[in-house]
């Protein structure tokens, strides 16, 4: 290792790279939160459809329209499963990114003063 490698300009460049990495991680986290928001919206859709069906149930006979209700119920179950998948996957990703950001914060003390602690 050269004695010049610990110059202040190298430290600044290292901090600059770390800031860029943290920005990338935060962008990934925003994307994961957007996926979570989408998953929550997908979960809300079957709830609103079922609420509408219950509210209008006095206007139809369920046995007479069973050929419509069964595929709708299967579709709603699929939406619930997909929504749960999206929310769970994004929650895992957010927690993983939080751990990586915490590790970056511990390694680079200059960055630590700008990142709010989540603990």
Protein backbone atom coordinates (compact mmCIF):
# COMPACT_ATOMS: atom_id res chain seq x y z
CA UNK A 1 0.00 0.00 0.00
CA UNK A 2 1.28 3.41 -0.89
CA UNK A 3 1.61 6.04 1.81
CA UNK A 4 -0.37 8.38 -0.44
CA UNK A 5 -3.48 6.16 -0.42
CA UNK A 6 -4.79 7.68 2.81
CA UNK A 7 -4.89 11.20 1.39
CA UNK A 8 -7.92 13.31 2.23
CA UNK A 9 -9.00 13.15 -1.42
CA UNK A 10 -9.18 9.33 -1.16
CA UNK A 11 -11.32 9.64 1.95
CA UNK A 12 -13.62 12.10 0.21
CA UNK A 13 -13.90 9.78 -2.80
CA UNK A 14 -14.67 6.84 -0.49
CA UNK A 15 -17.36 8.90 1.28
CA UNK A 16 -18.75 9.97 -2.09
CA UNK A 17 -19.03 6.35 -3.17
CA UNK A 18 -20.71 5.49 0.13
CA UNK A 19 -23.21 8.33 -0.29
CA UNK A 20 -24.00 7.08 -3.78
CA UNK A 21 -24.49 3.56 -2.44
CA UNK A 22 -26.82 4.80 0.30
CA UNK A 23 -28.80 6.80 -2.28
CA UNK A 24 -29.16 3.66 -4.38
CA UNK A 25 -30.31 1.67 -1.35
CA UNK A 26 -32.85 4.35 -0.46
CA UNK A 27 -34.16 4.31 -4.03
CA UNK A 28 -34.55 0.53 -3.77
CA UNK A 29 -36.39 1.03 -0.50
CA UNK A 30 -38.79 3.55 -2.08
CA UNK A 31 -39.49 1.01 -4.82
CA UNK A 32 -40.20 -1.69 -2.24
CA UNK A 33 -42.56 0.67 -0.41
CA UNK A 34 -44.37 1.39 -3.69
CA UNK A 35 -44.79 -2.35 -4.24
CA UNK A 36 -46.15 -2.62 -0.70
CA UNK A 37 -48.65 0.15 -1.42
CA UNK A 38 -49.73 -1.69 -4.57
CA UNK A 39 -50.13 -4.92 -2.60
CA UNK A 40 -52.33 -3.17 -0.06
CA UNK A 41 -54.49 -1.77 -2.88
CA UNK A 42 -54.77 -5.25 -4.41
CA UNK A 43 -55.86 -6.56 -1.00
CA UNK A 44 -58.52 -3.86 -0.73
CA UNK A 45 -60.14 -4.68 -4.08
CA UNK A 46 -61.69 -8.04 -3.07
CA UNK A 47 -62.94 -6.46 0.15
CA UNK A 48 -64.79 -3.77 -1.75
CA UNK A 49 -66.23 -6.30 -4.23
CA UNK A 50 -67.49 -8.53 -1.42
CA UNK A 51 -68.93 -5.49 0.38
CA UNK A 52 -70.80 -4.50 -2.77
CA UNK A 53 -72.15 -8.02 -3.19
CA UNK A 54 -73.34 -8.11 0.41
CA UNK A 55 -74.93 -4.68 0.13
CA UNK A 56 -76.86 -5.66 -3.01
CA UNK A 57 -77.67 -9.24 -1.94
CA UNK A 58 -81.36 -8.53 -1.46
CA UNK A 59 -81.67 -7.79 -5.19
CA UNK A 60 -80.55 -11.24 -6.38
CA UNK A 61 -80.78 -14.89 -5.45
CA UNK A 62 -77.29 -16.28 -4.74
CA UNK A 63 -78.20 -19.75 -6.07
CA UNK A 64 -79.50 -18.27 -9.33
CA UNK A 65 -76.23 -16.40 -9.99
CA UNK A 66 -73.89 -19.01 -8.55
CA UNK A 67 -72.21 -19.42 -11.95
CA UNK A 68 -71.10 -15.79 -11.61
CA UNK A 69 -70.29 -15.82 -7.90
CA UNK A 70 -67.96 -18.84 -7.92
CA UNK A 71 -65.51 -17.48 -10.53
CA UNK A 72 -65.67 -14.09 -8.79
CA UNK A 73 -64.85 -15.75 -5.45
CA UNK A 74 -61.91 -17.61 -7.02
CA UNK A 75 -60.69 -14.35 -8.57
CA UNK A 76 -60.97 -12.56 -5.21
CA UNK A 77 -59.02 -15.32 -3.46
CA UNK A 78 -56.31 -15.05 -6.12
CA UNK A 79 -56.15 -11.29 -5.60
CA UNK A 80 -55.84 -11.73 -1.83
CA UNK A 81 -53.02 -14.26 -2.27
CA UNK A 82 -51.23 -11.96 -4.75
CA UNK A 83 -51.66 -8.95 -2.43
CA UNK A 84 -50.27 -10.87 0.54
CA UNK A 85 -47.33 -11.99 -1.61
CA UNK A 86 -46.55 -8.42 -2.68
CA UNK A 87 -46.78 -7.03 0.85
CA UNK A 88 -44.70 -9.83 2.39
CA UNK A 89 -42.00 -9.63 -0.28
CA UNK A 90 -41.70 -5.87 0.02
CA UNK A 91 -41.58 -6.03 3.82
CA UNK A 92 -38.70 -8.52 3.66
CA UNK A 93 -36.90 -6.29 1.17
CA UNK A 94 -37.39 -3.16 3.31
CA UNK A 95 -36.02 -4.93 6.39
CA UNK A 96 -33.04 -6.27 4.43
CA UNK A 97 -32.29 -2.82 3.01
CA UNK A 98 -32.57 -1.30 6.50
CA UNK A 99 -29.90 -3.71 7.72
CA UNK A 100 -27.60 -2.84 4.81
CA UNK A 101 -28.09 0.90 5.39
CA UNK A 102 -27.36 0.43 9.10
CA UNK A 103 -24.16 -1.42 8.23
CA UNK A 104 -23.14 1.38 5.84
CA UNK A 105 -23.90 3.90 8.57
CA UNK A 106 -21.64 2.06 11.00
CA UNK A 107 -18.79 1.79 8.48
CA UNK A 108 -18.90 5.44 7.37
CA UNK A 109 -19.16 7.82 10.28
CA UNK A 110 -19.60 10.85 8.05
CA UNK A 111 -22.78 9.35 6.62
CA UNK A 112 -24.10 8.45 10.09
CA UNK A 113 -24.79 12.08 10.95
CA UNK A 114 -27.16 12.41 7.98
CA UNK A 115 -29.07 9.14 8.35
CA UNK A 116 -31.74 9.05 11.00
CA UNK A 117 -31.57 6.06 13.34
CA UNK A 118 -34.45 3.58 13.03
CA UNK A 119 -33.72 1.75 16.26
